[in-house]
């Protein structure tokens, strides 16, 4: 039984993937962890599969003939490992680490996450089921990587004028800077999908990622289910990862805008009470109409995406 299986899902970001794997391999070499790396490539046309196989023959590559998206791509690897119930528990890795292709692993990060995940306190009966790293931008500046579950206040910030101190504070689901920029692990509602390490038992208990989310919000849904199952989710600032933020999804803005809001509506439907669903849909309709008025010179495809979101929020 391996300690860890790392899953990276890619789409037309060959150079980023190669850099991500290179930094990960270097970190794993010094970690003393028995680990396997899986790459699920979503029908890239830039030679990603060939380059990874040539430079990193130890990586297990699943070359999809179609774009599965983030969720189905990760689930394809999890099923291949045996998390669909085929493998016996002792044949599964002790932990699974979902890692974005636009990341650079800083030395020691993987081991720090793994050790924290495997920690158990009998005194407090803490069961840590999911951990995420501290993220930074390429220039070294801090990037939010852990958040509170989204509510109506975050929707307000998305669409309407809001004081800056509220945007970077608890009103918008942010955790206090001393926590996020410190060194001690702390409990959170969810961590960004760029780095998510989970215990084997958590996946066995709550199941795979929900494939009704093509992309976006799937990590929030997973964390919500993990909390409901009695597990703790933590951010571990001592583990540091550079996240080049949005290099993959930024390739198709109108399409990704539609994916984002389709997933958000699905998340609200799944986890909000009815009154809150109604309030959220109303805010989205008003907010999107406001965006359209303010961005009248935007590309027609983007305006159409906003209009389609309004239609979705009416359904």
C-alpha atoms as a PDB file:
ATOM      1  CA  UNK A   1       0.000   0.000   0.000  1.00  0.00           C
ATOM      2  CA  UNK A   2       1.428   3.356  -1.028  1.00  0.00           C
ATOM      3  CA  UNK A   3       1.382   6.375   1.248  1.00  0.00           C
ATOM      4  CA  UNK A   4       0.159   8.795  -1.375  1.00  0.00           C
ATOM      5  CA  UNK A   5      -1.304   9.083  -4.861  1.00  0.00           C
ATOM      6  CA  UNK A   6      -1.095  12.497  -6.537  1.00  0.00           C
ATOM      7  CA  UNK A   7      -3.578  13.366  -9.299  1.00  0.00           C
ATOM      8  CA  UNK A   8      -3.062  16.197 -11.794  1.00  0.00           C
ATOM      9  CA  UNK A   9      -5.695  16.990 -14.439  1.00  0.00           C
ATOM     10  CA  UNK A  10      -4.509  18.984 -17.459  1.00  0.00           C
ATOM     11  CA  UNK A  11      -5.867  20.694 -20.547  1.00  0.00           C
ATOM     12  CA  UNK A  12      -3.509  22.400 -23.031  1.00  0.00           C
ATOM     13  CA  UNK A  13      -0.979  23.582 -20.436  1.00  0.00           C
ATOM     14  CA  UNK A  14       2.008  21.390 -21.330  1.00  0.00           C
ATOM     15  CA  UNK A  15       4.759  23.640 -19.973  1.00  0.00           C
ATOM     16  CA  UNK A  16       2.882  24.293 -16.747  1.00  0.00           C
ATOM     17  CA  UNK A  17       2.286  20.571 -16.249  1.00  0.00           C
ATOM     18  CA  UNK A  18       5.944  19.745 -16.795  1.00  0.00           C
ATOM     19  CA  UNK A  19       6.994  22.385 -14.248  1.00  0.00           C
ATOM     20  CA  UNK A  20       4.368  21.197 -11.764  1.00  0.00           C
ATOM     21  CA  UNK A  21       5.493  17.571 -12.038  1.00  0.00           C
ATOM     22  CA  UNK A  22       9.166  18.544 -11.863  1.00  0.00           C
ATOM     23  CA  UNK A  23       8.765  20.451  -8.591  1.00  0.00           C
ATOM     24  CA  UNK A  24       6.533  17.709  -7.181  1.00  0.00           C
ATOM     25  CA  UNK A  25       8.997  14.940  -8.075  1.00  0.00           C
ATOM     26  CA  UNK A  26      11.827  16.898  -6.429  1.00  0.00           C
ATOM     27  CA  UNK A  27       9.757  17.342  -3.282  1.00  0.00           C
ATOM     28  CA  UNK A  28       8.668  13.708  -3.161  1.00  0.00           C
ATOM     29  CA  UNK A  29      12.289  12.597  -3.557  1.00  0.00           C
ATOM     30  CA  UNK A  30      13.104  14.180  -0.206  1.00  0.00           C
ATOM     31  CA  UNK A  31       9.834  13.296   1.522  1.00  0.00           C
ATOM     32  CA  UNK A  32      10.432   9.575   2.217  1.00  0.00           C
ATOM     33  CA  UNK A  33       6.864   8.994   1.083  1.00  0.00           C
ATOM     34  CA  UNK A  34       5.986   6.076  -1.165  1.00  0.00           C
ATOM     35  CA  UNK A  35       4.003   7.938  -3.793  1.00  0.00           C
ATOM     36  CA  UNK A  36       2.585   7.558  -7.287  1.00  0.00           C
ATOM     37  CA  UNK A  37       1.745  10.404  -9.667  1.00  0.00           C
ATOM     38  CA  UNK A  38      -1.232  10.235 -12.018  1.00  0.00           C
ATOM     39  CA  UNK A  39      -1.851  12.609 -14.906  1.00  0.00           C
ATOM     40  CA  UNK A  40      -5.286  12.775 -16.520  1.00  0.00           C
ATOM     41  CA  UNK A  41      -5.026  14.732 -19.757  1.00  0.00           C
ATOM     42  CA  UNK A  42      -8.242  16.141 -21.174  1.00  0.00           C
ATOM     43  CA  UNK A  43      -7.561  15.696 -24.901  1.00  0.00           C
ATOM     44  CA  UNK A  44      -4.891  18.393 -25.058  1.00  0.00           C
ATOM     45  CA  UNK A  45      -3.642  19.349 -28.489  1.00  0.00           C
ATOM     46  CA  UNK A  46      -0.284  20.700 -27.334  1.00  0.00           C
ATOM     47  CA  UNK A  47       1.676  17.468 -26.884  1.00  0.00           C
ATOM     48  CA  UNK A  48       1.216  17.249 -23.112  1.00  0.00           C
ATOM     49  CA  UNK A  49       0.890  13.457 -23.044  1.00  0.00           C
ATOM     50  CA  UNK A  50       3.954  12.833 -25.188  1.00  0.00           C
ATOM     51  CA  UNK A  51       6.092  15.310 -23.252  1.00  0.00           C
ATOM     52  CA  UNK A  52       5.140  13.887 -19.845  1.00  0.00           C
ATOM     53  CA  UNK A  53       5.752  10.304 -20.976  1.00  0.00           C
ATOM     54  CA  UNK A  54       9.148  11.282 -22.360  1.00  0.00           C
ATOM     55  CA  UNK A  55      10.343  13.308 -19.364  1.00  0.00           C
ATOM     56  CA  UNK A  56       8.601  11.483 -16.507  1.00  0.00           C
ATOM     57  CA  UNK A  57       8.084   7.823 -17.451  1.00  0.00           C
ATOM     58  CA  UNK A  58       7.145   7.020 -13.845  1.00  0.00           C
ATOM     59  CA  UNK A  59       3.943   9.080 -14.138  1.00  0.00           C
ATOM     60  CA  UNK A  60       0.801   7.065 -14.810  1.00  0.00           C
ATOM     61  CA  UNK A  61      -0.934   8.803 -17.711  1.00  0.00           C
ATOM     62  CA  UNK A  62      -4.620   8.583 -18.547  1.00  0.00           C
ATOM     63  CA  UNK A  63      -5.010  10.184 -21.979  1.00  0.00           C
ATOM     64  CA  UNK A  64      -8.677  10.993 -22.410  1.00  0.00           C
ATOM     65  CA  UNK A  65     -10.097  11.306 -25.918  1.00  0.00           C
ATOM     66  CA  UNK A  66     -12.441  14.064 -24.681  1.00  0.00           C
ATOM     67  CA  UNK A  67     -12.336  16.957 -22.251  1.00  0.00           C
ATOM     68  CA  UNK A  68     -13.668  15.369 -19.076  1.00  0.00           C
ATOM     69  CA  UNK A  69     -13.287  18.533 -17.023  1.00  0.00           C
ATOM     70  CA  UNK A  70     -11.717  18.753 -13.587  1.00  0.00           C
ATOM     71  CA  UNK A  71     -14.262  16.617 -11.758  1.00  0.00           C
ATOM     72  CA  UNK A  72     -14.594  13.665 -14.123  1.00  0.00           C
ATOM     73  CA  UNK A  73     -10.865  13.806 -14.778  1.00  0.00           C
ATOM     74  CA  UNK A  74      -9.996  13.396 -11.098  1.00  0.00           C
ATOM     75  CA  UNK A  75     -12.665  10.737 -10.688  1.00  0.00           C
ATOM     76  CA  UNK A  76     -11.174   8.790 -13.614  1.00  0.00           C
ATOM     77  CA  UNK A  77      -7.907   8.512 -11.710  1.00  0.00           C
ATOM     78  CA  UNK A  78      -9.652   7.678  -8.426  1.00  0.00           C
ATOM     79  CA  UNK A  79     -11.576   4.891 -10.132  1.00  0.00           C
ATOM     80  CA  UNK A  80      -8.402   3.587 -11.733  1.00  0.00           C
ATOM     81  CA  UNK A  81      -6.884   3.364  -8.249  1.00  0.00           C
ATOM     82  CA  UNK A  82      -9.838   1.310  -7.054  1.00  0.00           C
ATOM     83  CA  UNK A  83     -11.939   3.904  -5.230  1.00  0.00           C
ATOM     84  CA  UNK A  84     -15.002   2.668  -7.100  1.00  0.00           C
ATOM     85  CA  UNK A  85     -15.107  -0.216  -4.631  1.00  0.00           C
ATOM     86  CA  UNK A  86     -13.104  -2.656  -6.734  1.00  0.00           C
ATOM     87  CA  UNK A  87      -9.894  -2.562  -4.681  1.00  0.00           C
ATOM     88  CA  UNK A  88      -9.529  -3.860  -1.148  1.00  0.00           C
ATOM     89  CA  UNK A  89      -8.830  -1.113   1.428  1.00  0.00           C
ATOM     90  CA  UNK A  90      -5.213  -2.188   1.887  1.00  0.00           C
ATOM     91  CA  UNK A  91      -4.644  -1.856  -1.866  1.00  0.00           C
ATOM     92  CA  UNK A  92      -5.569   1.840  -1.838  1.00  0.00           C
ATOM     93  CA  UNK A  93      -3.140   4.673  -1.028  1.00  0.00           C
ATOM     94  CA  UNK A  94      -3.376   6.057   2.490  1.00  0.00           C
ATOM     95  CA  UNK A  95      -4.024   9.506   1.051  1.00  0.00           C
ATOM     96  CA  UNK A  96      -4.904  11.124  -2.274  1.00  0.00           C
ATOM     97  CA  UNK A  97      -3.588  14.540  -3.278  1.00  0.00           C
ATOM     98  CA  UNK A  98      -5.379  16.535  -5.975  1.00  0.00           C
ATOM     99  CA  UNK A  99      -2.950  19.084  -7.381  1.00  0.00           C
ATOM    100  CA  UNK A 100      -3.522  21.699 -10.078  1.00  0.00           C
ATOM    101  CA  UNK A 101      -1.251  21.730 -13.134  1.00  0.00           C
ATOM    102  CA  UNK A 102      -0.522  25.433 -12.586  1.00  0.00           C
ATOM    103  CA  UNK A 103       1.319  24.885  -9.294  1.00  0.00           C
ATOM    104  CA  UNK A 104       4.910  24.804  -8.115  1.00  0.00           C
ATOM    105  CA  UNK A 105       5.572  22.764  -4.991  1.00  0.00           C
ATOM    106  CA  UNK A 106       7.885  24.359  -2.456  1.00  0.00           C
ATOM    107  CA  UNK A 107      10.332  22.045  -0.649  1.00  0.00           C
ATOM    108  CA  UNK A 108       8.746  20.035   2.150  1.00  0.00           C
ATOM    109  CA  UNK A 109       5.144  20.954   1.321  1.00  0.00           C
ATOM    110  CA  UNK A 110       3.925  17.471   0.433  1.00  0.00           C
ATOM    111  CA  UNK A 111       5.323  15.831   3.565  1.00  0.00           C
ATOM    112  CA  UNK A 112       3.953  18.606   5.794  1.00  0.00           C
ATOM    113  CA  UNK A 113       0.457  18.136   4.365  1.00  0.00           C
ATOM    114  CA  UNK A 114       0.660  14.353   4.679  1.00  0.00           C
ATOM    115  CA  UNK A 115       1.843  14.422   8.295  1.00  0.00           C
ATOM    116  CA  UNK A 116      -0.892  16.864   9.274  1.00  0.00           C
ATOM    117  CA  UNK A 117      -3.550  14.806   7.517  1.00  0.00           C
ATOM    118  CA  UNK A 118      -2.497  11.668   9.370  1.00  0.00           C
ATOM    119  CA  UNK A 119      -2.565  13.406  12.739  1.00  0.00           C
ATOM    120  CA  UNK A 120      -5.207  12.252  15.208  1.00  0.00           C
ATOM    121  CA  UNK A 121      -5.854  13.683  18.657  1.00  0.00           C
ATOM    122  CA  UNK A 122      -7.476  11.208  21.032  1.00  0.00           C
ATOM    123  CA  UNK A 123      -8.058  13.992  23.534  1.00  0.00           C
ATOM    124  CA  UNK A 124     -10.250  16.017  21.185  1.00  0.00           C
ATOM    125  CA  UNK A 125     -11.273  13.111  18.953  1.00  0.00           C
ATOM    126  CA  UNK A 126     -10.151  15.179  15.970  1.00  0.00           C
ATOM    127  CA  UNK A 127     -10.322  13.391  12.658  1.00  0.00           C
ATOM    128  CA  UNK A 128      -8.650  15.424   9.956  1.00  0.00           C
ATOM    129  CA  UNK A 129     -10.040  14.377   6.600  1.00  0.00           C
ATOM    130  CA  UNK A 130      -8.867  17.066   4.183  1.00  0.00           C
ATOM    131  CA  UNK A 131      -5.986  19.543   4.179  1.00  0.00           C
ATOM    132  CA  UNK A 132      -4.797  22.260   1.818  1.00  0.00           C
ATOM    133  CA  UNK A 133      -1.619  24.292   1.508  1.00  0.00           C
ATOM    134  CA  UNK A 134      -0.894  27.992   1.834  1.00  0.00           C
ATOM    135  CA  UNK A 135      -0.958  29.454  -1.675  1.00  0.00           C
ATOM    136  CA  UNK A 136       1.048  32.307  -3.133  1.00  0.00           C
ATOM    137  CA  UNK A 137       1.186  34.015  -6.507  1.00  0.00           C
ATOM    138  CA  UNK A 138       4.198  33.748  -8.781  1.00  0.00           C
ATOM    139  CA  UNK A 139       5.702  36.931  -7.339  1.00  0.00           C
ATOM    140  CA  UNK A 140       5.490  35.484  -3.839  1.00  0.00           C
ATOM    141  CA  UNK A 141       2.511  37.547  -2.695  1.00  0.00           C
ATOM    142  CA  UNK A 142      -0.178  35.912  -0.604  1.00  0.00           C
ATOM    143  CA  UNK A 143      -3.145  34.214  -2.298  1.00  0.00           C
ATOM    144  CA  UNK A 144      -6.298  33.178  -0.477  1.00  0.00           C
ATOM    145  CA  UNK A 145      -6.555  29.404  -0.448  1.00  0.00           C
ATOM    146  CA  UNK A 146      -9.119  28.740   2.285  1.00  0.00           C
ATOM    147  CA  UNK A 147     -12.628  30.116   2.685  1.00  0.00           C
ATOM    148  CA  UNK A 148     -15.912  29.910   4.537  1.00  0.00           C
ATOM    149  CA  UNK A 149     -18.814  28.273   2.728  1.00  0.00           C
ATOM    150  CA  UNK A 150     -20.396  30.742   0.283  1.00  0.00           C
ATOM    151  CA  UNK A 151     -23.465  32.626   1.395  1.00  0.00           C
ATOM    152  CA  UNK A 152     -25.547  35.599   0.321  1.00  0.00           C
ATOM    153  CA  UNK A 153     -22.930  38.062   1.516  1.00  0.00           C
ATOM    154  CA  UNK A 154     -20.388  36.706  -0.982  1.00  0.00           C
ATOM    155  CA  UNK A 155     -22.967  37.138  -3.745  1.00  0.00           C
ATOM    156  CA  UNK A 156     -23.443  40.733  -2.670  1.00  0.00           C
ATOM    157  CA  UNK A 157     -19.689  41.349  -2.987  1.00  0.00           C
ATOM    158  CA  UNK A 158     -19.749  39.755  -6.441  1.00  0.00           C
ATOM    159  CA  UNK A 159     -22.290  42.202  -7.833  1.00  0.00           C
ATOM    160  CA  UNK A 160     -22.637  45.337  -5.727  1.00  0.00           C
ATOM    161  CA  UNK A 161     -20.359  48.083  -4.333  1.00  0.00           C
ATOM    162  CA  UNK A 162     -18.686  46.857  -1.154  1.00  0.00           C
ATOM    163  CA  UNK A 163     -16.079  48.500   1.144  1.00  0.00           C
ATOM    164  CA  UNK A 164     -12.598  47.070   0.568  1.00  0.00           C
ATOM    165  CA  UNK A 165     -12.223  45.999   4.183  1.00  0.00           C
ATOM    166  CA  UNK A 166     -15.343  43.856   3.794  1.00  0.00           C
ATOM    167  CA  UNK A 167     -14.063  42.247   0.595  1.00  0.00           C
ATOM    168  CA  UNK A 168     -10.906  41.025   2.312  1.00  0.00           C
ATOM    169  CA  UNK A 169     -12.636  40.163   5.575  1.00  0.00           C
ATOM    170  CA  UNK A 170     -15.101  37.757   7.094  1.00  0.00           C
ATOM    171  CA  UNK A 171     -18.030  39.372   5.269  1.00  0.00           C
ATOM    172  CA  UNK A 172     -16.632  37.849   2.069  1.00  0.00           C
ATOM    173  CA  UNK A 173     -15.705  34.503   3.608  1.00  0.00           C
ATOM    174  CA  UNK A 174     -12.021  35.277   4.241  1.00  0.00           C
ATOM    175  CA  UNK A 175     -10.120  34.107   7.294  1.00  0.00           C
ATOM    176  CA  UNK A 176      -8.061  36.553   9.398  1.00  0.00           C
ATOM    177  CA  UNK A 177      -4.604  37.302   7.986  1.00  0.00           C
ATOM    178  CA  UNK A 178      -2.753  36.167  11.151  1.00  0.00           C
ATOM    179  CA  UNK A 179      -4.203  32.682  10.594  1.00  0.00           C
ATOM    180  CA  UNK A 180      -3.692  32.422   6.861  1.00  0.00           C
ATOM    181  CA  UNK A 181      -0.214  33.899   6.913  1.00  0.00           C
ATOM    182  CA  UNK A 182       0.966  32.194  10.083  1.00  0.00           C
ATOM    183  CA  UNK A 183       2.491  28.738  10.476  1.00  0.00           C
ATOM    184  CA  UNK A 184      -0.075  26.806  12.535  1.00  0.00           C
ATOM    185  CA  UNK A 185      -2.776  24.691  10.887  1.00  0.00           C
ATOM    186  CA  UNK A 186      -6.333  25.903  11.494  1.00  0.00           C
ATOM    187  CA  UNK A 187      -9.858  24.611  10.737  1.00  0.00           C
ATOM    188  CA  UNK A 188     -11.662  25.989   7.688  1.00  0.00           C
ATOM    189  CA  UNK A 189     -14.870  25.362   5.778  1.00  0.00           C
ATOM    190  CA  UNK A 190     -13.087  24.493   2.541  1.00  0.00           C
ATOM    191  CA  UNK A 191      -9.755  24.850   0.750  1.00  0.00           C
ATOM    192  CA  UNK A 192      -9.221  25.863  -2.855  1.00  0.00           C
ATOM    193  CA  UNK A 193      -9.173  22.947  -5.295  1.00  0.00           C
ATOM    194  CA  UNK A 194      -5.591  23.748  -6.328  1.00  0.00           C
ATOM    195  CA  UNK A 195      -4.295  21.616  -3.441  1.00  0.00           C
ATOM    196  CA  UNK A 196      -6.497  19.100  -1.672  1.00  0.00           C
ATOM    197  CA  UNK A 197      -5.090  16.108   0.203  1.00  0.00           C
ATOM    198  CA  UNK A 198      -7.620  13.604   1.601  1.00  0.00           C
ATOM    199  CA  UNK A 199      -7.451  10.489   3.710  1.00  0.00           C
ATOM    200  CA  UNK A 200      -8.422   7.265   1.995  1.00  0.00           C
ATOM    201  CA  UNK A 201     -11.208   6.685   4.511  1.00  0.00           C
ATOM    202  CA  UNK A 202     -12.827  10.019   3.671  1.00  0.00           C
ATOM    203  CA  UNK A 203     -13.184   9.163  -0.002  1.00  0.00           C
ATOM    204  CA  UNK A 204     -14.516   5.734   0.898  1.00  0.00           C
ATOM    205  CA  UNK A 205     -17.110   7.296   3.209  1.00  0.00           C
ATOM    206  CA  UNK A 206     -18.336  10.334   1.258  1.00  0.00           C
ATOM    207  CA  UNK A 207     -17.701   9.096  -2.286  1.00  0.00           C
ATOM    208  CA  UNK A 208     -16.025  10.693  -5.285  1.00  0.00           C
ATOM    209  CA  UNK A 209     -16.394  14.233  -6.576  1.00  0.00           C
ATOM    210  CA  UNK A 210     -19.924  15.022  -7.734  1.00  0.00           C
ATOM    211  CA  UNK A 211     -19.883  14.827 -11.545  1.00  0.00           C
ATOM    212  CA  UNK A 212     -22.867  17.134 -11.898  1.00  0.00           C
ATOM    213  CA  UNK A 213     -20.206  19.835 -11.459  1.00  0.00           C
ATOM    214  CA  UNK A 214     -18.206  20.031 -14.706  1.00  0.00           C
ATOM    215  CA  UNK A 215     -15.813  22.529 -13.168  1.00  0.00           C
ATOM    216  CA  UNK A 216     -15.913  25.003 -10.270  1.00  0.00           C
ATOM    217  CA  UNK A 217     -17.526  24.529  -6.830  1.00  0.00           C
ATOM    218  CA  UNK A 218     -16.767  20.802  -6.781  1.00  0.00           C
ATOM    219  CA  UNK A 219     -14.228  21.299  -3.984  1.00  0.00           C
ATOM    220  CA  UNK A 220     -16.790  23.270  -1.978  1.00  0.00           C
ATOM    221  CA  UNK A 221     -19.367  20.520  -2.383  1.00  0.00           C
ATOM    222  CA  UNK A 222     -16.821  17.845  -1.418  1.00  0.00           C
ATOM    223  CA  UNK A 223     -15.761  19.770   1.689  1.00  0.00           C
ATOM    224  CA  UNK A 224     -19.405  20.314   2.655  1.00  0.00           C
ATOM    225  CA  UNK A 225     -20.033  16.565   2.431  1.00  0.00           C
ATOM    226  CA  UNK A 226     -16.832  15.838   4.361  1.00  0.00           C
ATOM    227  CA  UNK A 227     -17.884  18.167   7.183  1.00  0.00           C
ATOM    228  CA  UNK A 228     -21.327  16.560   7.309  1.00  0.00           C
ATOM    229  CA  UNK A 229     -19.654  13.151   7.618  1.00  0.00           C
ATOM    230  CA  UNK A 230     -17.861  14.327  10.775  1.00  0.00           C
ATOM    231  CA  UNK A 231     -14.387  15.055   9.431  1.00  0.00           C
ATOM    232  CA  UNK A 232     -12.286  18.177   9.965  1.00  0.00           C
ATOM    233  CA  UNK A 233     -10.924  20.322   7.123  1.00  0.00           C
ATOM    234  CA  UNK A 234      -7.773  22.371   7.675  1.00  0.00           C
ATOM    235  CA  UNK A 235      -5.499  24.871   5.984  1.00  0.00           C
ATOM    236  CA  UNK A 236      -1.818  24.148   6.654  1.00  0.00           C
ATOM    237  CA  UNK A 237       0.169  27.367   6.055  1.00  0.00           C
ATOM    238  CA  UNK A 238       3.505  25.651   6.742  1.00  0.00           C
ATOM    239  CA  UNK A 239       3.018  23.800   3.441  1.00  0.00           C
ATOM    240  CA  UNK A 240       3.587  26.332   0.692  1.00  0.00           C
ATOM    241  CA  UNK A 241       2.559  26.051  -2.959  1.00  0.00           C
ATOM    242  CA  UNK A 242       2.862  28.613  -5.738  1.00  0.00           C
ATOM    243  CA  UNK A 243      -0.414  28.771  -7.657  1.00  0.00           C
ATOM    244  CA  UNK A 244      -0.288  30.445 -11.048  1.00  0.00           C
ATOM    245  CA  UNK A 245      -4.074  30.955 -10.778  1.00  0.00           C
ATOM    246  CA  UNK A 246      -6.347  30.416 -13.707  1.00  0.00           C
ATOM    247  CA  UNK A 247      -3.871  29.667 -16.518  1.00  0.00           C
ATOM    248  CA  UNK A 248      -6.043  26.758 -17.681  1.00  0.00           C
ATOM    249  CA  UNK A 249      -9.556  28.055 -17.115  1.00  0.00           C
ATOM    250  CA  UNK A 250      -8.690  31.498 -18.422  1.00  0.00           C
ATOM    251  CA  UNK A 251      -8.426  30.108 -21.938  1.00  0.00           C
ATOM    252  CA  UNK A 252     -12.179  30.345 -22.641  1.00  0.00           C
ATOM    253  CA  UNK A 253     -13.699  33.165 -20.612  1.00  0.00           C
ATOM    254  CA  UNK A 254     -17.338  33.159 -21.818  1.00  0.00           C
ATOM    255  CA  UNK A 255     -17.514  29.378 -21.520  1.00  0.00           C
ATOM    256  CA  UNK A 256     -15.843  29.291 -18.112  1.00  0.00           C
ATOM    257  CA  UNK A 257     -18.144  32.098 -16.902  1.00  0.00           C
ATOM    258  CA  UNK A 258     -21.119  29.918 -17.780  1.00  0.00           C
ATOM    259  CA  UNK A 259     -19.522  26.873 -16.131  1.00  0.00           C
ATOM    260  CA  UNK A 260     -18.863  28.916 -12.971  1.00  0.00           C
ATOM    261  CA  UNK A 261     -22.426  30.114 -12.522  1.00  0.00           C
ATOM    262  CA  UNK A 262     -23.987  26.809 -13.523  1.00  0.00           C
ATOM    263  CA  UNK A 263     -21.919  25.181 -10.778  1.00  0.00           C
ATOM    264  CA  UNK A 264     -22.763  27.856  -8.234  1.00  0.00           C
ATOM    265  CA  UNK A 265     -26.467  27.428  -8.871  1.00  0.00           C
ATOM    266  CA  UNK A 266     -26.055  23.670  -8.516  1.00  0.00           C
ATOM    267  CA  UNK A 267     -24.201  24.175  -5.215  1.00  0.00           C
ATOM    268  CA  UNK A 268     -26.948  26.419  -3.851  1.00  0.00           C
ATOM    269  CA  UNK A 269     -29.600  23.919  -4.903  1.00  0.00           C
ATOM    270  CA  UNK A 270     -27.764  21.090  -3.185  1.00  0.00           C
ATOM    271  CA  UNK A 271     -26.858  22.759   0.112  1.00  0.00           C
ATOM    272  CA  UNK A 272     -29.108  25.802   0.657  1.00  0.00           C
ATOM    273  CA  UNK A 273     -32.605  25.769   2.170  1.00  0.00           C
ATOM    274  CA  UNK A 274     -35.360  26.857  -0.225  1.00  0.00           C
ATOM    275  CA  UNK A 275     -35.605  30.455   1.018  1.00  0.00           C
ATOM    276  CA  UNK A 276     -31.878  30.935   0.532  1.00  0.00           C
ATOM    277  CA  UNK A 277     -31.996  29.418  -2.952  1.00  0.00           C
ATOM    278  CA  UNK A 278     -34.696  31.924  -3.903  1.00  0.00           C
ATOM    279  CA  UNK A 279     -32.706  34.841  -2.474  1.00  0.00           C
ATOM    280  CA  UNK A 280     -29.530  33.721  -4.257  1.00  0.00           C
ATOM    281  CA  UNK A 281     -31.275  33.360  -7.613  1.00  0.00           C
ATOM    282  CA  UNK A 282     -32.843  36.802  -7.250  1.00  0.00           C
ATOM    283  CA  UNK A 283     -29.476  38.388  -6.464  1.00  0.00           C
ATOM    284  CA  UNK A 284     -27.862  36.652  -9.442  1.00  0.00           C
ATOM    285  CA  UNK A 285     -30.527  37.886 -11.856  1.00  0.00           C
ATOM    286  CA  UNK A 286     -30.241  41.469 -10.647  1.00  0.00           C
ATOM    287  CA  UNK A 287     -26.459  41.340 -10.446  1.00  0.00           C
ATOM    288  CA  UNK A 288     -25.970  39.871 -13.918  1.00  0.00           C
ATOM    289  CA  UNK A 289     -28.307  42.442 -15.460  1.00  0.00           C
ATOM    290  CA  UNK A 290     -26.217  45.119 -13.759  1.00  0.00           C
ATOM    291  CA  UNK A 291     -23.023  43.621 -15.190  1.00  0.00           C
ATOM    292  CA  UNK A 292     -24.483  43.658 -18.692  1.00  0.00           C
ATOM    293  CA  UNK A 293     -25.412  47.338 -18.393  1.00  0.00           C
ATOM    294  CA  UNK A 294     -21.920  48.227 -17.169  1.00  0.00           C
ATOM    295  CA  UNK A 295     -20.120  46.130 -19.803  1.00  0.00           C
ATOM    296  CA  UNK A 296     -22.042  47.043 -22.923  1.00  0.00           C
ATOM    297  CA  UNK A 297     -18.795  47.122 -24.947  1.00  0.00           C
ATOM    298  CA  UNK A 298     -17.768  43.589 -23.868  1.00  0.00           C
ATOM    299  CA  UNK A 299     -17.461  40.790 -26.473  1.00  0.00           C
ATOM    300  CA  UNK A 300     -20.901  39.531 -27.590  1.00  0.00           C
ATOM    301  CA  UNK A 301     -20.050  35.990 -26.465  1.00  0.00           C
ATOM    302  CA  UNK A 302     -19.482  37.193 -22.901  1.00  0.00           C
ATOM    303  CA  UNK A 303     -22.714  39.190 -22.853  1.00  0.00           C
ATOM    304  CA  UNK A 304     -24.551  36.099 -24.100  1.00  0.00           C
ATOM    305  CA  UNK A 305     -22.973  34.055 -21.293  1.00  0.00           C
ATOM    306  CA  UNK A 306     -24.257  36.573 -18.727  1.00  0.00           C
ATOM    307  CA  UNK A 307     -27.716  36.476 -20.305  1.00  0.00           C
ATOM    308  CA  UNK A 308     -27.704  32.701 -20.181  1.00  0.00           C
ATOM    309  CA  UNK A 309     -26.832  32.812 -16.481  1.00  0.00           C
ATOM    310  CA  UNK A 310     -29.881  35.055 -15.927  1.00  0.00           C
ATOM    311  CA  UNK A 311     -32.039  32.468 -17.716  1.00  0.00           C
ATOM    312  CA  UNK A 312     -30.564  29.676 -15.580  1.00  0.00           C
ATOM    313  CA  UNK A 313     -31.307  31.644 -12.406  1.00  0.00           C
ATOM    314  CA  UNK A 314     -34.948  31.967 -13.463  1.00  0.00           C
ATOM    315  CA  UNK A 315     -35.435  28.205 -13.879  1.00  0.00           C
END
